[in-house]
PDB file of N, CA and C in Angstrom:
ATOM      1  N   MET A   1      83.465 115.099  90.075  1.00  0.00           N
ATOM      2  CA  MET A   1      83.847 114.137  91.460  1.00  0.00           C
ATOM      3  C   MET A   1      85.413 114.903  91.843  1.00  0.00           C
ATOM      4  N   ILE A   2      85.146 115.021  93.154  1.00  0.00           N
ATOM      5  CA  ILE A   2      86.536 115.401  93.765  1.00  0.00           C
ATOM      6  C   ILE A   2      86.926 114.466  95.050  1.00  0.00           C
ATOM      7  N   SER A   3      88.142 113.785  95.213  1.00  0.00           N
ATOM      8  CA  SER A   3      88.459 112.824  96.223  1.00  0.00           C
ATOM      9  C   SER A   3      90.080 113.377  96.461  1.00  0.00           C
ATOM     10  N   VAL A   4      89.882 113.756  97.752  1.00  0.00           N
ATOM     11  CA  VAL A   4      90.914 114.329  98.546  1.00  0.00           C
ATOM     12  C   VAL A   4      91.372 113.253  99.412  1.00  0.00           C
ATOM     13  N   THR A   5      92.426 112.724  98.920  1.00  0.00           N
ATOM     14  CA  THR A   5      93.366 111.770  99.834  1.00  0.00           C
ATOM     15  C   THR A   5      92.691 110.324 100.407  1.00  0.00           C
ATOM     16  N   SER A   6      91.327 110.151  99.847  1.00  0.00           N
ATOM     17  CA  SER A   6      90.740 108.789 100.299  1.00  0.00           C
ATOM     18  C   SER A   6      90.839 107.994  99.575  1.00  0.00           C
ATOM     19  N   LEU A   7      91.540 107.830  98.062  1.00  0.00           N
ATOM     20  CA  LEU A   7      91.956 107.024  97.155  1.00  0.00           C
ATOM     21  C   LEU A   7      93.307 106.347  98.013  1.00  0.00           C
ATOM     22  N   SER A   8      93.999 106.863  98.762  1.00  0.00           N
ATOM     23  CA  SER A   8      95.343 105.881  99.647  1.00  0.00           C
ATOM     24  C   SER A   8      94.819 105.012 100.360  1.00  0.00           C
ATOM     25  N   VAL A   9      93.671 105.164 100.890  1.00  0.00           N
ATOM     26  CA  VAL A   9      93.292 104.375 102.084  1.00  0.00           C
ATOM     27  C   VAL A   9      92.119 103.070 101.297  1.00  0.00           C
ATOM     28  N   ILE A  10      91.679 103.003  99.944  1.00  0.00           N
ATOM     29  CA  ILE A  10      90.786 102.309  99.609  1.00  0.00           C
ATOM     30  C   ILE A  10      91.721 101.417  98.346  1.00  0.00           C
ATOM     31  N   ALA A  11      93.447 101.288  98.549  1.00  0.00           N
ATOM     32  CA  ALA A  11      94.151 100.781  97.379  1.00  0.00           C
ATOM     33  C   ALA A  11      93.910  99.377  97.187  1.00  0.00           C
ATOM     34  N   PRO A  12      93.233  98.407  98.057  1.00  0.00           N
ATOM     35  CA  PRO A  12      92.964  96.912  97.590  1.00  0.00           C
ATOM     36  C   PRO A  12      92.263  96.652  96.611  1.00  0.00           C
ATOM     37  N   CYS A  13      91.103  97.572  96.531  1.00  0.00           N
ATOM     38  CA  CYS A  13      90.281  97.586  95.366  1.00  0.00           C
ATOM     39  C   CYS A  13      90.197  98.919  94.567  1.00  0.00           C
ATOM     40  N   ASP A  14      90.886  98.701  93.228  1.00  0.00           N
ATOM     41  CA  ASP A  14      90.659 100.069  92.377  1.00  0.00           C
ATOM     42  C   ASP A  14      89.267 100.528  92.033  1.00  0.00           C
ATOM     43  N   PRO A  15      89.088 101.857  92.530  1.00  0.00           N
ATOM     44  CA  PRO A  15      87.999 102.314  92.451  1.00  0.00           C
ATOM     45  C   PRO A  15      88.078 103.141  91.137  1.00  0.00           C
ATOM     46  N   SER A  16      88.984 103.290  90.283  1.00  0.00           N
ATOM     47  CA  SER A  16      88.696 103.717  89.360  1.00  0.00           C
ATOM     48  C   SER A  16      87.923 103.519  88.069  1.00  0.00           C
ATOM     49  N   PRO A  17      87.717 102.113  87.784  1.00  0.00           N
ATOM     50  CA  PRO A  17      86.624 101.660  86.813  1.00  0.00           C
ATOM     51  C   PRO A  17      85.122 102.477  87.327  1.00  0.00           C
ATOM     52  N   GLN A  18      84.981 102.350  88.845  1.00  0.00           N
ATOM     53  CA  GLN A  18      83.541 102.717  88.830  1.00  0.00           C
ATOM     54  C   GLN A  18      83.593 104.284  89.063  1.00  0.00           C
ATOM     55  N   ILE A  19      84.550 105.057  89.138  1.00  0.00           N
ATOM     56  CA  ILE A  19      84.530 106.257  89.129  1.00  0.00           C
ATOM     57  C   ILE A  19      84.490 106.840  87.920  1.00  0.00           C
ATOM     58  N   HIS A  20      85.230 106.180  86.627  1.00  0.00           N
ATOM     59  CA  HIS A  20      84.781 106.509  85.380  1.00  0.00           C
ATOM     60  C   HIS A  20      83.586 106.320  84.561  1.00  0.00           C
ATOM     61  N   GLN A  21      82.810 105.003  85.367  1.00  0.00           N
ATOM     62  CA  GLN A  21      81.636 105.088  85.006  1.00  0.00           C
ATOM     63  C   GLN A  21      80.460 105.954  85.128  1.00  0.00           C
ATOM     64  N   VAL A  22      80.425 106.449  86.320  1.00  0.00           N
ATOM     65  CA  VAL A  22      79.739 107.568  86.848  1.00  0.00           C
ATOM     66  C   VAL A  22      79.807 108.864  86.394  1.00  0.00           C
ATOM     67  N   LEU A  23      81.037 109.117  85.746  1.00  0.00           N
ATOM     68  CA  LEU A  23      81.025 110.424  85.275  1.00  0.00           C
ATOM     69  C   LEU A  23      80.242 110.734  83.807  1.00  0.00           C
ATOM     70  N   LYS A  24      79.847 111.790  83.662  1.00  0.00           N
ATOM     71  CA  LYS A  24      79.510 112.285  82.409  1.00  0.00           C
ATOM     72  C   LYS A  24      80.658 112.121  81.133  1.00  0.00           C
ATOM     73  N   PRO A  25      80.302 111.827  80.145  1.00  0.00           N
ATOM     74  CA  PRO A  25      81.304 111.792  78.799  1.00  0.00           C
ATOM     75  C   PRO A  25      81.821 113.140  78.763  1.00  0.00           C
ATOM     76  N   ASP A  26      83.062 113.049  78.832  1.00  0.00           N
ATOM     77  CA  ASP A  26      84.217 113.784  79.160  1.00  0.00           C
ATOM     78  C   ASP A  26      84.142 114.658  80.489  1.00  0.00           C
ATOM     79  N   GLY A  27      83.639 114.026  81.389  1.00  0.00           N
ATOM     80  CA  GLY A  27      83.795 114.545  82.451  1.00  0.00           C
ATOM     81  C   GLY A  27      85.112 114.385  83.382  1.00  0.00           C
ATOM     82  N   VAL A  28      85.424 115.468  84.008  1.00  0.00           N
ATOM     83  CA  VAL A  28      86.485 115.660  84.775  1.00  0.00           C
ATOM     84  C   VAL A  28      86.423 115.037  86.041  1.00  0.00           C
ATOM     85  N   PHE A  29      87.692 114.143  86.598  1.00  0.00           N
ATOM     86  CA  PHE A  29      87.868 113.815  87.586  1.00  0.00           C
ATOM     87  C   PHE A  29      89.105 114.444  88.405  1.00  0.00           C
ATOM     88  N   ILE A  30      89.288 114.877  89.467  1.00  0.00           N
ATOM     89  CA  ILE A  30      90.343 115.340  89.976  1.00  0.00           C
ATOM     90  C   ILE A  30      90.568 114.485  91.558  1.00  0.00           C
ATOM     91  N   GLY A  31      91.832 113.858  91.539  1.00  0.00           N
ATOM     92  CA  GLY A  31      91.990 113.215  92.724  1.00  0.00           C
ATOM     93  C   GLY A  31      93.015 113.728  93.479  1.00  0.00           C
ATOM     94  N   ALA A  32      93.591 113.328  94.444  1.00  0.00           N
ATOM     95  CA  ALA A  32      94.629 113.801  95.171  1.00  0.00           C
ATOM     96  C   ALA A  32      95.198 112.562  96.460  1.00  0.00           C
ATOM     97  N   MET A  33      96.538 112.176  96.326  1.00  0.00           N
ATOM     98  CA  MET A  33      96.821 111.185  97.259  1.00  0.00           C
ATOM     99  C   MET A  33      97.942 111.053  97.568  1.00  0.00           C
ATOM    100  N   VAL A  34      98.462 110.870  98.624  1.00  0.00           N
ATOM    101  CA  VAL A  34     100.003 110.443  98.800  1.00  0.00           C
ATOM    102  C   VAL A  34     100.535 109.246  98.069  1.00  0.00           C
ATOM    103  N   GLY A  35     101.721 109.475  97.663  1.00  0.00           N
ATOM    104  CA  GLY A  35     102.061 108.407  97.165  1.00  0.00           C
ATOM    105  C   GLY A  35     104.011 108.328  96.662  1.00  0.00           C
ATOM    106  N   GLY A  36     104.229 107.512  96.201  1.00  0.00           N
ATOM    107  CA  GLY A  36     105.602 107.211  95.721  1.00  0.00           C
ATOM    108  C   GLY A  36     106.608 107.236  97.255  1.00  0.00           C
ATOM    109  N   GLU A  37     107.318 108.404  97.048  1.00  0.00           N
ATOM    110  CA  GLU A  37     108.400 108.581  98.497  1.00  0.00           C
ATOM    111  C   GLU A  37     107.869 109.588  99.349  1.00  0.00           C
ATOM    112  N   THR A  38     106.434 109.789  99.230  1.00  0.00           N
ATOM    113  CA  THR A  38     106.072 110.717 100.212  1.00  0.00           C
ATOM    114  C   THR A  38     106.449 110.815 101.755  1.00  0.00           C
ATOM    115  N   LEU A  39     106.894 111.404 102.348  1.00  0.00           N
ATOM    116  CA  LEU A  39     107.650 111.512 104.104  1.00  0.00           C
ATOM    117  C   LEU A  39     108.496 110.438 104.120  1.00  0.00           C
ATOM    118  N   TYR A  40     109.457 110.147 102.695  1.00  0.00           N
ATOM    119  CA  TYR A  40     110.583 109.508 102.873  1.00  0.00           C
ATOM    120  C   TYR A  40     111.130 109.497 104.129  1.00  0.00           C
ATOM    121  N   GLU A  41     111.863 110.718 104.212  1.00  0.00           N
ATOM    122  CA  GLU A  41     112.955 110.850 105.529  1.00  0.00           C
ATOM    123  C   GLU A  41     112.249 110.527 106.953  1.00  0.00           C
ATOM    124  N   LEU A  42     111.011 110.674 107.213  1.00  0.00           N
ATOM    125  CA  LEU A  42     110.085 110.831 108.208  1.00  0.00           C
ATOM    126  C   LEU A  42     110.099 109.058 108.383  1.00  0.00           C
ATOM    127  N   ARG A  43     109.830 108.399 107.409  1.00  0.00           N
ATOM    128  CA  ARG A  43     109.671 106.990 107.646  1.00  0.00           C
ATOM    129  C   ARG A  43     110.741 106.261 107.659  1.00  0.00           C
ATOM    130  N   CYS A  44     111.937 106.672 107.106  1.00  0.00           N
ATOM    131  CA  CYS A  44     113.358 106.110 107.500  1.00  0.00           C
ATOM    132  C   CYS A  44     113.716 106.443 108.866  1.00  0.00           C
ATOM    133  N   SER A  45     113.340 107.592 109.324  1.00  0.00           N
ATOM    134  CA  SER A  45     113.820 108.169 110.860  1.00  0.00           C
ATOM    135  C   SER A  45     113.117 107.399 111.500  1.00  0.00           C
ATOM    136  N   LEU A  46     111.928 106.844 111.592  1.00  0.00           N
ATOM    137  CA  LEU A  46     111.189 106.005 112.426  1.00  0.00           C
ATOM    138  C   LEU A  46     111.655 104.663 112.262  1.00  0.00           C
ATOM    139  N   GLN A  47     111.810 104.130 111.242  1.00  0.00           N
ATOM    140  CA  GLN A  47     112.654 103.024 111.326  1.00  0.00           C
ATOM    141  C   GLN A  47     113.754 102.674 111.793  1.00  0.00           C
ATOM    142  N   LEU A  48     114.694 103.711 111.682  1.00  0.00           N
ATOM    143  CA  LEU A  48     115.712 103.626 112.202  1.00  0.00           C
ATOM    144  C   LEU A  48     115.912 103.739 113.513  1.00  0.00           C
ATOM    145  N   ALA A  49     114.856 104.470 114.380  1.00  0.00           N
ATOM    146  CA  ALA A  49     114.551 104.757 115.520  1.00  0.00           C
ATOM    147  C   ALA A  49     114.143 103.359 116.520  1.00  0.00           C
ATOM    148  N   GLU A  50     113.093 103.021 115.572  1.00  0.00           N
ATOM    149  CA  GLU A  50     112.573 101.595 116.052  1.00  0.00           C
ATOM    150  C   GLU A  50     113.665 100.248 115.937  1.00  0.00           C
ATOM    151  N   THR A  51     114.394 100.538 115.297  1.00  0.00           N
ATOM    152  CA  THR A  51     115.255  99.113 114.728  1.00  0.00           C
ATOM    153  C   THR A  51     116.501  99.470 116.014  1.00  0.00           C
ATOM    154  N   GLU A  52     116.683 100.797 116.307  1.00  0.00           N
ATOM    155  CA  GLU A  52     118.054 100.828 117.629  1.00  0.00           C
ATOM    156  C   GLU A  52     117.104 100.692 118.819  1.00  0.00           C
ATOM    157  N   ARG A  53     115.839 100.923 119.091  1.00  0.00           N
ATOM    158  CA  ARG A  53     115.213 100.607 120.259  1.00  0.00           C
ATOM    159  C   ARG A  53     114.572  99.156 120.547  1.00  0.00           C
ATOM    160  N   GLU A  54     114.567  98.534 119.981  1.00  0.00           N
ATOM    161  CA  GLU A  54     113.368  97.099 119.716  1.00  0.00           C
ATOM    162  C   GLU A  54     114.368  96.215 118.866  1.00  0.00           C
ATOM    163  N   GLY A  55     115.424  96.712 118.139  1.00  0.00           N
ATOM    164  CA  GLY A  55     116.139  95.585 117.364  1.00  0.00           C
ATOM    165  C   GLY A  55     115.554  95.218 116.120  1.00  0.00           C
ATOM    166  N   GLY A  56     114.533  95.732 115.488  1.00  0.00           N
ATOM    167  CA  GLY A  56     113.823  95.616 114.437  1.00  0.00           C
ATOM    168  C   GLY A  56     112.779  96.395 114.205  1.00  0.00           C
ATOM    169  N   PHE A  57     112.288  96.494 113.089  1.00  0.00           N
ATOM    170  CA  PHE A  57     111.158  97.315 112.767  1.00  0.00           C
ATOM    171  C   PHE A  57     109.736  96.647 112.282  1.00  0.00           C
ATOM    172  N   SER A  58     108.748  97.047 111.909  1.00  0.00           N
ATOM    173  CA  SER A  58     107.728  96.762 111.345  1.00  0.00           C
ATOM    174  C   SER A  58     106.982  97.863 110.689  1.00  0.00           C
ATOM    175  N   PRO A  59     106.352  97.786 109.784  1.00  0.00           N
ATOM    176  CA  PRO A  59     105.676  98.893 109.141  1.00  0.00           C
ATOM    177  C   PRO A  59     104.340  99.491 109.711  1.00  0.00           C
ATOM    178  N   HIS A  60     104.452 100.603 109.889  1.00  0.00           N
ATOM    179  CA  HIS A  60     102.967 101.260 110.364  1.00  0.00           C
ATOM    180  C   HIS A  60     102.220 101.774 109.633  1.00  0.00           C
ATOM    181  N   VAL A  61     102.853 101.954 108.257  1.00  0.00           N
ATOM    182  CA  VAL A  61     102.132 102.935 107.508  1.00  0.00           C
ATOM    183  C   VAL A  61     101.787 101.961 106.172  1.00  0.00           C
ATOM    184  N   SER A  62     100.364 101.538 105.567  1.00  0.00           N
ATOM    185  CA  SER A  62     100.444 101.017 104.244  1.00  0.00           C
ATOM    186  C   SER A  62     101.309 101.437 103.058  1.00  0.00           C
ATOM    187  N   PRO A  63     102.195 100.797 102.351  1.00  0.00           N
ATOM    188  CA  PRO A  63     102.912 101.093 100.935  1.00  0.00           C
ATOM    189  C   PRO A  63     101.968 102.304 100.079  1.00  0.00           C
ATOM    190  N   TYR A  64     102.815 103.270  99.839  1.00  0.00           N
ATOM    191  CA  TYR A  64     102.275 104.184  98.639  1.00  0.00           C
ATOM    192  C   TYR A  64     102.335 103.845  97.456  1.00  0.00           C
ATOM    193  N   THR A  65     101.618 104.328  96.583  1.00  0.00           N
ATOM    194  CA  THR A  65     101.301 103.720  95.384  1.00  0.00           C
ATOM    195  C   THR A  65     102.093 104.438  94.782  1.00  0.00           C
ATOM    196  N   ALA A  66     102.841 103.881  93.525  1.00  0.00           N
ATOM    197  CA  ALA A  66     103.845 104.656  92.481  1.00  0.00           C
ATOM    198  C   ALA A  66     103.031 105.510  91.668  1.00  0.00           C
ATOM    199  N   VAL A  67     103.801 106.772  91.238  1.00  0.00           N
ATOM    200  CA  VAL A  67     103.124 107.741  90.105  1.00  0.00           C
ATOM    201  C   VAL A  67     102.741 106.901  88.745  1.00  0.00           C
ATOM    202  N   THR A  68     103.741 106.065  88.372  1.00  0.00           N
ATOM    203  CA  THR A  68     103.576 105.319  87.066  1.00  0.00           C
ATOM    204  C   THR A  68     102.108 104.287  87.478  1.00  0.00           C
ATOM    205  N   ASP A  69     102.537 103.582  88.362  1.00  0.00           N
ATOM    206  CA  ASP A  69     101.280 102.571  88.764  1.00  0.00           C
ATOM    207  C   ASP A  69      99.941 103.427  88.580  1.00  0.00           C
ATOM    208  N   LEU A  70      99.700 104.641  89.154  1.00  0.00           N
ATOM    209  CA  LEU A  70      98.655 105.559  89.421  1.00  0.00           C
ATOM    210  C   LEU A  70      98.252 105.674  87.772  1.00  0.00           C
ATOM    211  N   GLY A  71      99.072 106.214  87.214  1.00  0.00           N
ATOM    212  CA  GLY A  71      98.762 106.449  85.737  1.00  0.00           C
ATOM    213  C   GLY A  71      98.234 105.401  84.907  1.00  0.00           C
ATOM    214  N   ASN A  72      98.943 104.107  85.097  1.00  0.00           N
ATOM    215  CA  ASN A  72      98.434 102.818  84.224  1.00  0.00           C
ATOM    216  C   ASN A  72      97.147 102.610  84.850  1.00  0.00           C
ATOM    217  N   LEU A  73      96.755 102.419  86.136  1.00  0.00           N
ATOM    218  CA  LEU A  73      95.380 102.127  86.162  1.00  0.00           C
ATOM    219  C   LEU A  73      94.249 102.866  86.057  1.00  0.00           C
ATOM    220  N   LEU A  74      94.514 103.981  85.974  1.00  0.00           N
ATOM    221  CA  LEU A  74      93.733 105.049  85.343  1.00  0.00           C
ATOM    222  C   LEU A  74      93.110 104.782  83.700  1.00  0.00           C
ATOM    223  N   GLY A  75      94.672 104.704  83.105  1.00  0.00           N
ATOM    224  CA  GLY A  75      94.381 104.531  81.841  1.00  0.00           C
ATOM    225  C   GLY A  75      93.609 103.206  81.824  1.00  0.00           C
ATOM    226  N   GLN A  76      93.724 102.363  82.561  1.00  0.00           N
ATOM    227  CA  GLN A  76      93.152 100.938  82.122  1.00  0.00           C
ATOM    228  C   GLN A  76      91.634 101.073  82.414  1.00  0.00           C
ATOM    229  N   ALA A  77      91.203 101.784  83.349  1.00  0.00           N
ATOM    230  CA  ALA A  77      89.837 101.893  83.802  1.00  0.00           C
ATOM    231  C   ALA A  77      89.181 102.846  82.692  1.00  0.00           C
ATOM    232  N   GLY A  78      89.991 103.406  81.501  1.00  0.00           N
ATOM    233  CA  GLY A  78      89.316 104.218  80.553  1.00  0.00           C
ATOM    234  C   GLY A  78      89.523 105.610  80.453  1.00  0.00           C
ATOM    235  N   PHE A  79      90.223 106.117  81.336  1.00  0.00           N
ATOM    236  CA  PHE A  79      90.500 107.500  81.433  1.00  0.00           C
ATOM    237  C   PHE A  79      91.418 107.770  80.276  1.00  0.00           C
ATOM    238  N   ASN A  80      91.021 108.907  79.810  1.00  0.00           N
ATOM    239  CA  ASN A  80      92.099 109.442  78.423  1.00  0.00           C
ATOM    240  C   ASN A  80      92.506 110.913  78.933  1.00  0.00           C
ATOM    241  N   MET A  81      93.562 111.387  78.247  1.00  0.00           N
ATOM    242  CA  MET A  81      94.342 112.723  78.269  1.00  0.00           C
ATOM    243  C   MET A  81      94.338 112.751  80.161  1.00  0.00           C
ATOM    244  N   LEU A  82      95.046 112.180  80.414  1.00  0.00           N
ATOM    245  CA  LEU A  82      95.704 111.854  81.688  1.00  0.00           C
ATOM    246  C   LEU A  82      96.799 112.761  82.197  1.00  0.00           C
ATOM    247  N   THR A  83      96.673 113.469  83.395  1.00  0.00           N
ATOM    248  CA  THR A  83      97.767 114.405  83.906  1.00  0.00           C
ATOM    249  C   THR A  83      97.987 113.951  85.354  1.00  0.00           C
ATOM    250  N   VAL A  84      99.176 113.587  85.549  1.00  0.00           N
ATOM    251  CA  VAL A  84      99.336 112.935  86.771  1.00  0.00           C
ATOM    252  C   VAL A  84     100.698 113.867  87.302  1.00  0.00           C
ATOM    253  N   VAL A  85     100.792 114.550  88.475  1.00  0.00           N
ATOM    254  CA  VAL A  85     101.212 115.679  88.762  1.00  0.00           C
ATOM    255  C   VAL A  85     102.113 114.905  89.881  1.00  0.00           C
ATOM    256  N   ARG A  86     103.509 114.907  90.182  1.00  0.00           N
ATOM    257  CA  ARG A  86     104.078 114.841  91.677  1.00  0.00           C
ATOM    258  C   ARG A  86     104.193 115.733  92.505  1.00  0.00           C
TER     259      ARG A  86
END
C-alpha cells in the first residue's frame, strides 16, 4: 500500500488501524504526509501579512500532525518496526 500525502487530509479519523488490517502479515506500509513545521516560514509570513492588512488572521490550513503523534498512532494501530523520517 502506498499513500502519498492523502493521510494529511483525513486526520479527523485515524486510518492506521484499517490500513494495518488489510496488510498481509509483515506487509509494508509506506506513507508520506506533510507535518510538524512544514512551510513554517510561509505560514508565519501569511499570518503577519493578513494581520497587517486585516487587523487579525484566521487559519487557512489545517494543523499539521506532529512526528511523535504519528509514530504513536501507528504503534497503537499495531504496526511494529516503525521508521518515521522528518
